[in-house]
């Protein structure tokens, strides 16, 4: 199966027979059989024919739009992908509360574990005192995660740990990419820009799987319900941030794949230029197609994300939290 990411400005998509044509001007850049397409993401000014949109709806192929700066605009939703029974169960568990809270604790603990693993890996050789201090502080705060019985407090501990983590991450990277804190809307430096783009791509990946499984993306178990916010996707992304995006961005910097002059910095923020974005998306796709060594069965990271979404669906349908084990780095 194929996930299509169309990033060429001015490109178009249309249907020809049983194939999708991707072209620009009078040149055909790519031709893919419809039955091989799993999901499609359009970035920036990409055109798509109404006939192909209808075809995607009939085939339940998720279609999403991102800005060139990584902002998630939304997804096209087919009636065939809506499972009202799952929606009903999600709302019922939201009212009951206990199962959702225990699942939130489980995933936040795994997220913190993954953040600690990243810091320890990179500081093994650097031996920075301030990073060691950050690790000790995170360990001290992490004890509260298992003990708290309040979601507001749980999210508060998670927020404090994340601030410490990103500060330590900023100290680990080379001087060219150093930063002091996580900035999002907009990102203010190259490292934050790479994180934001990666998180947006990963968000879209999880959204596609959530929609394909018939789950309600706006009913989460951890983040609050809010207008226009796919809370469930924000919940399910947490365990993947450090293992997929943070580690990938650190590796790209270590391998000198991107340099500071490949970013556009102005009053609107800091963003990857066209060349940097192509390199980044190629690396992202390669990462998702690589094998995930942290689960027992052999899956790529993309397949692992799909499996985790399926396990979440099983948790809500059977009201059994033991059916879900978050990813934990070793």
C-alpha atoms as a PDB file:
ATOM      1  CA  UNK A   1       0.000   0.000   0.000  1.00  0.00           C
ATOM      2  CA  UNK A   2       1.096   3.586  -0.690  1.00  0.00           C
ATOM      3  CA  UNK A   3       0.787   6.841   1.234  1.00  0.00           C
ATOM      4  CA  UNK A   4       0.963   9.786  -1.167  1.00  0.00           C
ATOM      5  CA  UNK A   5       2.531  13.070  -0.032  1.00  0.00           C
ATOM      6  CA  UNK A   6       2.247  15.666  -2.786  1.00  0.00           C
ATOM      7  CA  UNK A   7       4.445  18.662  -2.014  1.00  0.00           C
ATOM      8  CA  UNK A   8       5.245  20.142  -5.422  1.00  0.00           C
ATOM      9  CA  UNK A   9       3.748  23.622  -5.645  1.00  0.00           C
ATOM     10  CA  UNK A  10       1.465  23.827  -8.674  1.00  0.00           C
ATOM     11  CA  UNK A  11       1.095  20.052  -8.954  1.00  0.00           C
ATOM     12  CA  UNK A  12      -2.254  18.468  -9.770  1.00  0.00           C
ATOM     13  CA  UNK A  13      -3.953  15.110  -9.194  1.00  0.00           C
ATOM     14  CA  UNK A  14      -6.525  13.554 -11.479  1.00  0.00           C
ATOM     15  CA  UNK A  15      -7.937  10.162 -12.317  1.00  0.00           C
ATOM     16  CA  UNK A  16      -7.190   8.226 -15.504  1.00  0.00           C
ATOM     17  CA  UNK A  17      -8.794   4.825 -15.677  1.00  0.00           C
ATOM     18  CA  UNK A  18      -7.894   2.987 -12.509  1.00  0.00           C
ATOM     19  CA  UNK A  19      -4.882   5.181 -11.803  1.00  0.00           C
ATOM     20  CA  UNK A  20      -4.067   8.480 -10.085  1.00  0.00           C
ATOM     21  CA  UNK A  21      -1.922  10.823 -12.142  1.00  0.00           C
ATOM     22  CA  UNK A  22       0.277  13.371 -10.406  1.00  0.00           C
ATOM     23  CA  UNK A  23       1.512  16.053 -12.750  1.00  0.00           C
ATOM     24  CA  UNK A  24       2.739  19.597 -13.097  1.00  0.00           C
ATOM     25  CA  UNK A  25       2.303  21.787 -16.148  1.00  0.00           C
ATOM     26  CA  UNK A  26       2.218  19.258 -19.006  1.00  0.00           C
ATOM     27  CA  UNK A  27       4.440  16.669 -17.338  1.00  0.00           C
ATOM     28  CA  UNK A  28       3.240  13.523 -15.538  1.00  0.00           C
ATOM     29  CA  UNK A  29       5.399  13.085 -12.448  1.00  0.00           C
ATOM     30  CA  UNK A  30       3.844   9.939 -11.022  1.00  0.00           C
ATOM     31  CA  UNK A  31       1.167   7.347 -11.802  1.00  0.00           C
ATOM     32  CA  UNK A  32      -0.205   5.082  -9.051  1.00  0.00           C
ATOM     33  CA  UNK A  33      -2.938   2.408  -9.218  1.00  0.00           C
ATOM     34  CA  UNK A  34      -5.938   3.453  -7.134  1.00  0.00           C
ATOM     35  CA  UNK A  35      -6.094   0.125  -5.316  1.00  0.00           C
ATOM     36  CA  UNK A  36      -2.582   0.685  -3.943  1.00  0.00           C
ATOM     37  CA  UNK A  37      -3.336   4.063  -2.358  1.00  0.00           C
ATOM     38  CA  UNK A  38      -3.941   4.042   1.390  1.00  0.00           C
ATOM     39  CA  UNK A  39      -4.102   7.772   2.116  1.00  0.00           C
ATOM     40  CA  UNK A  40      -3.218  11.082   0.445  1.00  0.00           C
ATOM     41  CA  UNK A  41      -1.770  14.301   1.872  1.00  0.00           C
ATOM     42  CA  UNK A  42      -1.663  17.511  -0.155  1.00  0.00           C
ATOM     43  CA  UNK A  43       0.833  20.207   0.863  1.00  0.00           C
ATOM     44  CA  UNK A  44       0.551  23.843  -0.192  1.00  0.00           C
ATOM     45  CA  UNK A  45      -0.982  24.768  -3.567  1.00  0.00           C
ATOM     46  CA  UNK A  46      -1.779  21.333  -5.010  1.00  0.00           C
ATOM     47  CA  UNK A  47      -4.896  20.903  -7.161  1.00  0.00           C
ATOM     48  CA  UNK A  48      -7.125  17.818  -7.228  1.00  0.00           C
ATOM     49  CA  UNK A  49     -10.005  17.035  -9.594  1.00  0.00           C
ATOM     50  CA  UNK A  50     -13.550  16.640  -8.285  1.00  0.00           C
ATOM     51  CA  UNK A  51     -13.758  13.220  -9.971  1.00  0.00           C
ATOM     52  CA  UNK A  52     -10.789  11.987  -7.964  1.00  0.00           C
ATOM     53  CA  UNK A  53     -12.182  13.408  -4.722  1.00  0.00           C
ATOM     54  CA  UNK A  54     -15.387  11.437  -5.342  1.00  0.00           C
ATOM     55  CA  UNK A  55     -13.330   8.306  -6.035  1.00  0.00           C
ATOM     56  CA  UNK A  56     -11.455   8.721  -2.747  1.00  0.00           C
ATOM     57  CA  UNK A  57     -14.741   9.142  -0.875  1.00  0.00           C
ATOM     58  CA  UNK A  58     -16.185   5.991  -2.439  1.00  0.00           C
ATOM     59  CA  UNK A  59     -13.046   4.008  -1.575  1.00  0.00           C
ATOM     60  CA  UNK A  60     -12.761   5.476   1.966  1.00  0.00           C
ATOM     61  CA  UNK A  61      -9.290   6.836   1.169  1.00  0.00           C
ATOM     62  CA  UNK A  62      -8.474   9.645   3.659  1.00  0.00           C
ATOM     63  CA  UNK A  63      -7.503  12.935   1.998  1.00  0.00           C
ATOM     64  CA  UNK A  64      -5.782  15.592   4.110  1.00  0.00           C
ATOM     65  CA  UNK A  65      -4.386  19.077   3.572  1.00  0.00           C
ATOM     66  CA  UNK A  66      -1.301  20.660   5.174  1.00  0.00           C
ATOM     67  CA  UNK A  67       0.258  24.065   4.674  1.00  0.00           C
ATOM     68  CA  UNK A  68       3.869  24.254   3.528  1.00  0.00           C
ATOM     69  CA  UNK A  69       4.720  25.275   7.091  1.00  0.00           C
ATOM     70  CA  UNK A  70       3.196  22.152   8.564  1.00  0.00           C
ATOM     71  CA  UNK A  71      -0.182  23.447   9.686  1.00  0.00           C
ATOM     72  CA  UNK A  72      -2.907  20.788   9.563  1.00  0.00           C
ATOM     73  CA  UNK A  73      -5.984  22.165   7.771  1.00  0.00           C
ATOM     74  CA  UNK A  74      -8.252  19.136   7.873  1.00  0.00           C
ATOM     75  CA  UNK A  75      -9.297  15.862   6.273  1.00  0.00           C
ATOM     76  CA  UNK A  76     -12.042  14.760   3.906  1.00  0.00           C
ATOM     77  CA  UNK A  77     -14.353  12.316   5.657  1.00  0.00           C
ATOM     78  CA  UNK A  78     -16.427   9.642   3.929  1.00  0.00           C
ATOM     79  CA  UNK A  79     -19.734   8.391   5.367  1.00  0.00           C
ATOM     80  CA  UNK A  80     -18.393   4.873   4.986  1.00  0.00           C
ATOM     81  CA  UNK A  81     -15.663   5.495   7.545  1.00  0.00           C
ATOM     82  CA  UNK A  82     -18.033   6.509  10.363  1.00  0.00           C
ATOM     83  CA  UNK A  83     -18.811   3.822  12.964  1.00  0.00           C
ATOM     84  CA  UNK A  84     -21.547   5.298  15.154  1.00  0.00           C
ATOM     85  CA  UNK A  85     -21.339   2.349  17.591  1.00  0.00           C
ATOM     86  CA  UNK A  86     -17.735   3.223  18.364  1.00  0.00           C
ATOM     87  CA  UNK A  87     -18.671   6.886  18.681  1.00  0.00           C
ATOM     88  CA  UNK A  88     -21.372   6.003  21.194  1.00  0.00           C
ATOM     89  CA  UNK A  89     -18.935   3.892  23.205  1.00  0.00           C
ATOM     90  CA  UNK A  90     -16.386   6.719  23.235  1.00  0.00           C
ATOM     91  CA  UNK A  91     -18.937   9.121  24.694  1.00  0.00           C
ATOM     92  CA  UNK A  92     -20.100   6.561  27.274  1.00  0.00           C
ATOM     93  CA  UNK A  93     -16.540   6.014  28.507  1.00  0.00           C
ATOM     94  CA  UNK A  94     -16.002   9.774  28.552  1.00  0.00           C
ATOM     95  CA  UNK A  95     -18.870  10.089  31.044  1.00  0.00           C
ATOM     96  CA  UNK A  96     -17.642   7.160  33.137  1.00  0.00           C
ATOM     97  CA  UNK A  97     -14.099   8.565  33.232  1.00  0.00           C
ATOM     98  CA  UNK A  98     -12.089   5.908  35.093  1.00  0.00           C
ATOM     99  CA  UNK A  99     -10.876   3.822  32.151  1.00  0.00           C
ATOM    100  CA  UNK A 100      -9.891   6.913  30.175  1.00  0.00           C
ATOM    101  CA  UNK A 101      -7.950   8.308  33.140  1.00  0.00           C
ATOM    102  CA  UNK A 102      -6.010   5.080  33.673  1.00  0.00           C
ATOM    103  CA  UNK A 103      -5.179   4.946  29.960  1.00  0.00           C
ATOM    104  CA  UNK A 104      -3.996   8.574  30.095  1.00  0.00           C
ATOM    105  CA  UNK A 105      -1.650   7.721  32.984  1.00  0.00           C
ATOM    106  CA  UNK A 106      -0.308   4.739  31.064  1.00  0.00           C
ATOM    107  CA  UNK A 107       0.469   6.761  27.941  1.00  0.00           C
ATOM    108  CA  UNK A 108       1.928   9.777  29.770  1.00  0.00           C
ATOM    109  CA  UNK A 109       4.238   7.468  31.715  1.00  0.00           C
ATOM    110  CA  UNK A 110       5.414   5.903  28.442  1.00  0.00           C
ATOM    111  CA  UNK A 111       5.900   9.332  26.876  1.00  0.00           C
ATOM    112  CA  UNK A 112       8.104  10.447  29.774  1.00  0.00           C
ATOM    113  CA  UNK A 113      10.035   7.170  29.622  1.00  0.00           C
ATOM    114  CA  UNK A 114      10.750   7.799  25.929  1.00  0.00           C
ATOM    115  CA  UNK A 115      11.871  11.378  26.612  1.00  0.00           C
ATOM    116  CA  UNK A 116      14.253  10.169  29.313  1.00  0.00           C
ATOM    117  CA  UNK A 117      15.658   7.516  26.980  1.00  0.00           C
ATOM    118  CA  UNK A 118      16.422  10.132  24.304  1.00  0.00           C
ATOM    119  CA  UNK A 119      18.208  12.381  26.807  1.00  0.00           C
ATOM    120  CA  UNK A 120      20.230   9.505  28.271  1.00  0.00           C
ATOM    121  CA  UNK A 121      21.295   8.235  24.841  1.00  0.00           C
ATOM    122  CA  UNK A 122      22.648  11.581  23.702  1.00  0.00           C
ATOM    123  CA  UNK A 123      24.188  12.580  27.018  1.00  0.00           C
ATOM    124  CA  UNK A 124      26.034   9.290  27.366  1.00  0.00           C
ATOM    125  CA  UNK A 125      28.937  10.777  25.409  1.00  0.00           C
ATOM    126  CA  UNK A 126      28.310  14.498  25.962  1.00  0.00           C
ATOM    127  CA  UNK A 127      28.192  14.164  29.763  1.00  0.00           C
ATOM    128  CA  UNK A 128      26.568  17.595  30.240  1.00  0.00           C
ATOM    129  CA  UNK A 129      25.887  18.414  33.905  1.00  0.00           C
ATOM    130  CA  UNK A 130      22.764  20.458  33.132  1.00  0.00           C
ATOM    131  CA  UNK A 131      21.272  17.554  31.163  1.00  0.00           C
ATOM    132  CA  UNK A 132      22.019  15.155  34.025  1.00  0.00           C
ATOM    133  CA  UNK A 133      20.226  17.576  36.339  1.00  0.00           C
ATOM    134  CA  UNK A 134      17.247  17.669  33.982  1.00  0.00           C
ATOM    135  CA  UNK A 135      17.088  13.865  33.946  1.00  0.00           C
ATOM    136  CA  UNK A 136      17.082  13.746  37.760  1.00  0.00           C
ATOM    137  CA  UNK A 137      14.357  16.395  37.910  1.00  0.00           C
ATOM    138  CA  UNK A 138      12.198  14.495  35.416  1.00  0.00           C
ATOM    139  CA  UNK A 139      12.618  11.272  37.417  1.00  0.00           C
ATOM    140  CA  UNK A 140      11.544  13.062  40.592  1.00  0.00           C
ATOM    141  CA  UNK A 141       8.413  14.505  38.976  1.00  0.00           C
ATOM    142  CA  UNK A 142       7.572  11.238  37.185  1.00  0.00           C
ATOM    143  CA  UNK A 143       6.822   9.578  40.534  1.00  0.00           C
ATOM    144  CA  UNK A 144       3.704  11.728  40.770  1.00  0.00           C
ATOM    145  CA  UNK A 145       2.235  10.294  37.548  1.00  0.00           C
ATOM    146  CA  UNK A 146       1.419   6.917  39.097  1.00  0.00           C
ATOM    147  CA  UNK A 147       0.187   8.450  42.346  1.00  0.00           C
ATOM    148  CA  UNK A 148      -2.164  11.160  41.077  1.00  0.00           C
ATOM    149  CA  UNK A 149      -5.900  10.531  40.844  1.00  0.00           C
ATOM    150  CA  UNK A 150      -6.738  13.742  39.001  1.00  0.00           C
ATOM    151  CA  UNK A 151      -6.473  14.375  35.244  1.00  0.00           C
ATOM    152  CA  UNK A 152      -5.743  18.078  35.692  1.00  0.00           C
ATOM    153  CA  UNK A 153      -2.784  17.265  37.954  1.00  0.00           C
ATOM    154  CA  UNK A 154      -1.590  14.544  35.562  1.00  0.00           C
ATOM    155  CA  UNK A 155      -1.505  16.972  32.639  1.00  0.00           C
ATOM    156  CA  UNK A 156       0.218  19.521  34.858  1.00  0.00           C
ATOM    157  CA  UNK A 157       3.035  17.073  35.659  1.00  0.00           C
ATOM    158  CA  UNK A 158       3.289  16.195  31.953  1.00  0.00           C
ATOM    159  CA  UNK A 159       3.604  19.875  31.051  1.00  0.00           C
ATOM    160  CA  UNK A 160       6.358  20.512  33.608  1.00  0.00           C
ATOM    161  CA  UNK A 161       8.317  17.461  32.435  1.00  0.00           C
ATOM    162  CA  UNK A 162       7.984  18.507  28.783  1.00  0.00           C
ATOM    163  CA  UNK A 163       9.402  21.968  29.550  1.00  0.00           C
ATOM    164  CA  UNK A 164      12.402  20.410  31.316  1.00  0.00           C
ATOM    165  CA  UNK A 165      12.853  17.905  28.503  1.00  0.00           C
ATOM    166  CA  UNK A 166      12.904  20.458  25.689  1.00  0.00           C
ATOM    167  CA  UNK A 167      15.269  22.696  27.609  1.00  0.00           C
ATOM    168  CA  UNK A 168      17.650  19.726  27.969  1.00  0.00           C
ATOM    169  CA  UNK A 169      17.170  18.840  24.296  1.00  0.00           C
ATOM    170  CA  UNK A 170      18.185  22.386  23.378  1.00  0.00           C
ATOM    171  CA  UNK A 171      21.444  21.919  25.273  1.00  0.00           C
ATOM    172  CA  UNK A 172      22.243  18.634  23.500  1.00  0.00           C
ATOM    173  CA  UNK A 173      22.100  19.859  19.890  1.00  0.00           C
ATOM    174  CA  UNK A 174      25.080  21.592  18.196  1.00  0.00           C
ATOM    175  CA  UNK A 175      25.415  25.371  18.595  1.00  0.00           C
ATOM    176  CA  UNK A 176      23.954  25.938  15.116  1.00  0.00           C
ATOM    177  CA  UNK A 177      20.614  24.484  16.262  1.00  0.00           C
ATOM    178  CA  UNK A 178      20.527  25.355  19.956  1.00  0.00           C
ATOM    179  CA  UNK A 179      17.214  26.583  21.379  1.00  0.00           C
ATOM    180  CA  UNK A 180      15.865  27.380  24.842  1.00  0.00           C
ATOM    181  CA  UNK A 181      12.281  26.145  24.795  1.00  0.00           C
ATOM    182  CA  UNK A 182       9.549  24.627  22.658  1.00  0.00           C
ATOM    183  CA  UNK A 183       7.815  27.223  20.472  1.00  0.00           C
ATOM    184  CA  UNK A 184       4.879  26.119  18.328  1.00  0.00           C
ATOM    185  CA  UNK A 185       2.664  28.698  16.662  1.00  0.00           C
ATOM    186  CA  UNK A 186       4.834  29.815  15.078  1.00  0.00           C
ATOM    187  CA  UNK A 187       8.145  27.989  15.647  1.00  0.00           C
ATOM    188  CA  UNK A 188      10.899  30.533  16.265  1.00  0.00           C
ATOM    189  CA  UNK A 189      14.052  28.569  15.410  1.00  0.00           C
ATOM    190  CA  UNK A 190      15.162  25.789  13.014  1.00  0.00           C
ATOM    191  CA  UNK A 191      14.941  22.962  15.550  1.00  0.00           C
ATOM    192  CA  UNK A 192      11.421  23.902  16.616  1.00  0.00           C
ATOM    193  CA  UNK A 193      10.490  24.272  12.957  1.00  0.00           C
ATOM    194  CA  UNK A 194      11.592  20.693  12.275  1.00  0.00           C
ATOM    195  CA  UNK A 195       9.713  19.426  15.322  1.00  0.00           C
ATOM    196  CA  UNK A 196       6.526  21.243  14.301  1.00  0.00           C
ATOM    197  CA  UNK A 197       6.583  19.883  10.758  1.00  0.00           C
ATOM    198  CA  UNK A 198       7.243  16.363  11.999  1.00  0.00           C
ATOM    199  CA  UNK A 199       4.483  16.516  14.594  1.00  0.00           C
ATOM    200  CA  UNK A 200       2.053  17.786  11.938  1.00  0.00           C
ATOM    201  CA  UNK A 201       2.941  14.911   9.601  1.00  0.00           C
ATOM    202  CA  UNK A 202       2.624  12.409  12.437  1.00  0.00           C
ATOM    203  CA  UNK A 203      -0.684  13.976  13.513  1.00  0.00           C
ATOM    204  CA  UNK A 204      -1.984  13.504   9.977  1.00  0.00           C
ATOM    205  CA  UNK A 205      -0.765   9.886   9.972  1.00  0.00           C
ATOM    206  CA  UNK A 206      -2.699   9.088  13.133  1.00  0.00           C
ATOM    207  CA  UNK A 207      -5.757  11.050  11.982  1.00  0.00           C
ATOM    208  CA  UNK A 208      -5.929   8.930   8.811  1.00  0.00           C
ATOM    209  CA  UNK A 209      -5.887   5.728  10.870  1.00  0.00           C
ATOM    210  CA  UNK A 210      -8.433   7.021  13.385  1.00  0.00           C
ATOM    211  CA  UNK A 211     -10.825   7.931  10.568  1.00  0.00           C
ATOM    212  CA  UNK A 212     -10.260   4.629   8.745  1.00  0.00           C
ATOM    213  CA  UNK A 213     -11.211   2.730  11.926  1.00  0.00           C
ATOM    214  CA  UNK A 214     -14.449   4.668  12.316  1.00  0.00           C
ATOM    215  CA  UNK A 215     -13.378   6.316  15.579  1.00  0.00           C
ATOM    216  CA  UNK A 216     -14.499   9.817  16.533  1.00  0.00           C
ATOM    217  CA  UNK A 217     -11.302  11.921  16.276  1.00  0.00           C
ATOM    218  CA  UNK A 218     -12.717  14.734  18.437  1.00  0.00           C
ATOM    219  CA  UNK A 219     -13.504  12.545  21.478  1.00  0.00           C
ATOM    220  CA  UNK A 220     -10.288  11.888  23.356  1.00  0.00           C
ATOM    221  CA  UNK A 221      -9.422  10.352  26.704  1.00  0.00           C
ATOM    222  CA  UNK A 222      -6.799  12.832  27.852  1.00  0.00           C
ATOM    223  CA  UNK A 223      -7.040  16.196  26.074  1.00  0.00           C
ATOM    224  CA  UNK A 224     -10.240  18.115  26.648  1.00  0.00           C
ATOM    225  CA  UNK A 225     -12.991  18.252  24.057  1.00  0.00           C
ATOM    226  CA  UNK A 226     -12.746  21.584  22.244  1.00  0.00           C
ATOM    227  CA  UNK A 227     -14.172  23.030  19.051  1.00  0.00           C
ATOM    228  CA  UNK A 228     -12.010  22.159  16.050  1.00  0.00           C
ATOM    229  CA  UNK A 229      -9.546  20.062  18.067  1.00  0.00           C
ATOM    230  CA  UNK A 230      -9.165  16.327  17.244  1.00  0.00           C
ATOM    231  CA  UNK A 231      -8.494  15.431  20.883  1.00  0.00           C
ATOM    232  CA  UNK A 232      -8.156  11.684  20.274  1.00  0.00           C
ATOM    233  CA  UNK A 233      -5.385  12.254  17.732  1.00  0.00           C
ATOM    234  CA  UNK A 234      -3.607  14.557  20.203  1.00  0.00           C
ATOM    235  CA  UNK A 235      -3.849  11.752  22.771  1.00  0.00           C
ATOM    236  CA  UNK A 236      -2.596   8.929  20.565  1.00  0.00           C
ATOM    237  CA  UNK A 237       0.347  10.939  19.212  1.00  0.00           C
ATOM    238  CA  UNK A 238       1.993  11.336  22.621  1.00  0.00           C
ATOM    239  CA  UNK A 239       3.837   8.017  22.806  1.00  0.00           C
ATOM    240  CA  UNK A 240       5.255   8.544  19.292  1.00  0.00           C
ATOM    241  CA  UNK A 241       6.695  12.066  19.547  1.00  0.00           C
ATOM    242  CA  UNK A 242      10.122  11.211  20.994  1.00  0.00           C
ATOM    243  CA  UNK A 243      10.650   7.809  19.296  1.00  0.00           C
ATOM    244  CA  UNK A 244       9.729   9.049  15.813  1.00  0.00           C
ATOM    245  CA  UNK A 245      10.111  12.813  15.435  1.00  0.00           C
ATOM    246  CA  UNK A 246      12.533  13.936  18.152  1.00  0.00           C
ATOM    247  CA  UNK A 247      14.969  11.100  17.430  1.00  0.00           C
ATOM    248  CA  UNK A 248      14.682  11.654  13.666  1.00  0.00           C
ATOM    249  CA  UNK A 249      15.378  15.390  13.911  1.00  0.00           C
ATOM    250  CA  UNK A 250      18.363  14.790  16.202  1.00  0.00           C
ATOM    251  CA  UNK A 251      19.731  12.214  13.751  1.00  0.00           C
ATOM    252  CA  UNK A 252      19.304  14.596  10.799  1.00  0.00           C
ATOM    253  CA  UNK A 253      21.289  17.284  12.601  1.00  0.00           C
ATOM    254  CA  UNK A 254      23.989  14.826  13.651  1.00  0.00           C
ATOM    255  CA  UNK A 255      24.376  13.714  10.015  1.00  0.00           C
ATOM    256  CA  UNK A 256      24.462  17.327   8.729  1.00  0.00           C
ATOM    257  CA  UNK A 257      21.482  16.669   6.458  1.00  0.00           C
ATOM    258  CA  UNK A 258      20.180  20.206   7.004  1.00  0.00           C
ATOM    259  CA  UNK A 259      22.013  23.455   7.696  1.00  0.00           C
ATOM    260  CA  UNK A 260      20.763  26.689   9.243  1.00  0.00           C
ATOM    261  CA  UNK A 261      20.783  28.512   5.895  1.00  0.00           C
ATOM    262  CA  UNK A 262      18.048  26.114   4.678  1.00  0.00           C
ATOM    263  CA  UNK A 263      15.475  27.860   6.875  1.00  0.00           C
ATOM    264  CA  UNK A 264      13.480  31.019   6.253  1.00  0.00           C
ATOM    265  CA  UNK A 265      13.331  33.208   9.367  1.00  0.00           C
ATOM    266  CA  UNK A 266      11.179  36.327   9.564  1.00  0.00           C
ATOM    267  CA  UNK A 267       8.519  37.967  11.754  1.00  0.00           C
ATOM    268  CA  UNK A 268       6.088  35.154  10.846  1.00  0.00           C
ATOM    269  CA  UNK A 269       8.398  32.535  12.347  1.00  0.00           C
ATOM    270  CA  UNK A 270      11.014  30.031  11.187  1.00  0.00           C
ATOM    271  CA  UNK A 271      10.248  27.480   8.461  1.00  0.00           C
ATOM    272  CA  UNK A 272      12.055  25.003   6.224  1.00  0.00           C
ATOM    273  CA  UNK A 273      12.666  26.203   2.672  1.00  0.00           C
ATOM    274  CA  UNK A 274      11.636  24.110  -0.325  1.00  0.00           C
ATOM    275  CA  UNK A 275      14.904  22.154  -0.512  1.00  0.00           C
ATOM    276  CA  UNK A 276      14.927  21.432   3.227  1.00  0.00           C
ATOM    277  CA  UNK A 277      11.293  20.327   3.173  1.00  0.00           C
ATOM    278  CA  UNK A 278      11.969  17.771   0.414  1.00  0.00           C
ATOM    279  CA  UNK A 279      14.891  16.300   2.377  1.00  0.00           C
ATOM    280  CA  UNK A 280      12.814  16.284   5.533  1.00  0.00           C
ATOM    281  CA  UNK A 281       9.791  14.536   4.001  1.00  0.00           C
ATOM    282  CA  UNK A 282      12.019  11.919   2.346  1.00  0.00           C
ATOM    283  CA  UNK A 283      13.624  11.208   5.716  1.00  0.00           C
ATOM    284  CA  UNK A 284      10.238  11.085   7.432  1.00  0.00           C
ATOM    285  CA  UNK A 285       8.868   8.569   4.922  1.00  0.00           C
ATOM    286  CA  UNK A 286      12.002   6.442   5.217  1.00  0.00           C
ATOM    287  CA  UNK A 287      11.640   6.466   9.001  1.00  0.00           C
ATOM    288  CA  UNK A 288       8.006   5.362   8.874  1.00  0.00           C
ATOM    289  CA  UNK A 289       8.859   2.545   6.469  1.00  0.00           C
ATOM    290  CA  UNK A 290      11.700   1.275   8.682  1.00  0.00           C
ATOM    291  CA  UNK A 291      11.152  -1.609  11.087  1.00  0.00           C
ATOM    292  CA  UNK A 292       9.979  -0.871  14.605  1.00  0.00           C
ATOM    293  CA  UNK A 293      12.204  -2.937  16.896  1.00  0.00           C
ATOM    294  CA  UNK A 294      10.280  -2.121  20.063  1.00  0.00           C
ATOM    295  CA  UNK A 295       7.223  -4.324  19.518  1.00  0.00           C
ATOM    296  CA  UNK A 296       7.314  -8.116  19.562  1.00  0.00           C
ATOM    297  CA  UNK A 297       5.856  -8.593  16.096  1.00  0.00           C
ATOM    298  CA  UNK A 298       7.765  -7.249  13.104  1.00  0.00           C
ATOM    299  CA  UNK A 299       6.073  -4.093  11.828  1.00  0.00           C
ATOM    300  CA  UNK A 300       7.211  -0.893  10.219  1.00  0.00           C
ATOM    301  CA  UNK A 301       6.560   2.253  12.251  1.00  0.00           C
ATOM    302  CA  UNK A 302       3.651   3.068   9.944  1.00  0.00           C
ATOM    303  CA  UNK A 303       2.157  -0.387  10.545  1.00  0.00           C
ATOM    304  CA  UNK A 304       2.807  -0.024  14.272  1.00  0.00           C
ATOM    305  CA  UNK A 305       0.842   3.229  14.395  1.00  0.00           C
ATOM    306  CA  UNK A 306      -2.047   1.469  12.666  1.00  0.00           C
ATOM    307  CA  UNK A 307      -1.833  -1.432  15.130  1.00  0.00           C
ATOM    308  CA  UNK A 308      -1.904   0.938  18.112  1.00  0.00           C
ATOM    309  CA  UNK A 309      -4.992   2.686  16.759  1.00  0.00           C
ATOM    310  CA  UNK A 310      -6.663  -0.704  16.345  1.00  0.00           C
ATOM    311  CA  UNK A 311      -5.731  -1.640  19.907  1.00  0.00           C
ATOM    312  CA  UNK A 312      -7.260   1.592  21.150  1.00  0.00           C
ATOM    313  CA  UNK A 313     -10.467   0.715  19.306  1.00  0.00           C
ATOM    314  CA  UNK A 314     -10.404  -2.673  21.065  1.00  0.00           C
ATOM    315  CA  UNK A 315      -9.908  -0.986  24.442  1.00  0.00           C
ATOM    316  CA  UNK A 316     -13.037   1.126  24.068  1.00  0.00           C
ATOM    317  CA  UNK A 317     -15.187  -1.649  22.615  1.00  0.00           C
ATOM    318  CA  UNK A 318     -14.224  -4.143  25.353  1.00  0.00           C
ATOM    319  CA  UNK A 319     -13.634  -1.598  28.159  1.00  0.00           C
ATOM    320  CA  UNK A 320     -10.309  -3.338  28.815  1.00  0.00           C
ATOM    321  CA  UNK A 321      -7.204  -1.199  29.332  1.00  0.00           C
ATOM    322  CA  UNK A 322      -4.902  -4.245  29.282  1.00  0.00           C
ATOM    323  CA  UNK A 323      -5.405  -4.447  25.508  1.00  0.00           C
ATOM    324  CA  UNK A 324      -3.204  -1.366  25.019  1.00  0.00           C
ATOM    325  CA  UNK A 325       0.526  -1.162  25.742  1.00  0.00           C
ATOM    326  CA  UNK A 326       2.218   2.086  24.647  1.00  0.00           C
ATOM    327  CA  UNK A 327       5.526   2.110  22.792  1.00  0.00           C
ATOM    328  CA  UNK A 328       8.510   2.334  25.141  1.00  0.00           C
ATOM    329  CA  UNK A 329      12.066   2.798  23.904  1.00  0.00           C
ATOM    330  CA  UNK A 330      14.760   0.534  25.263  1.00  0.00           C
END
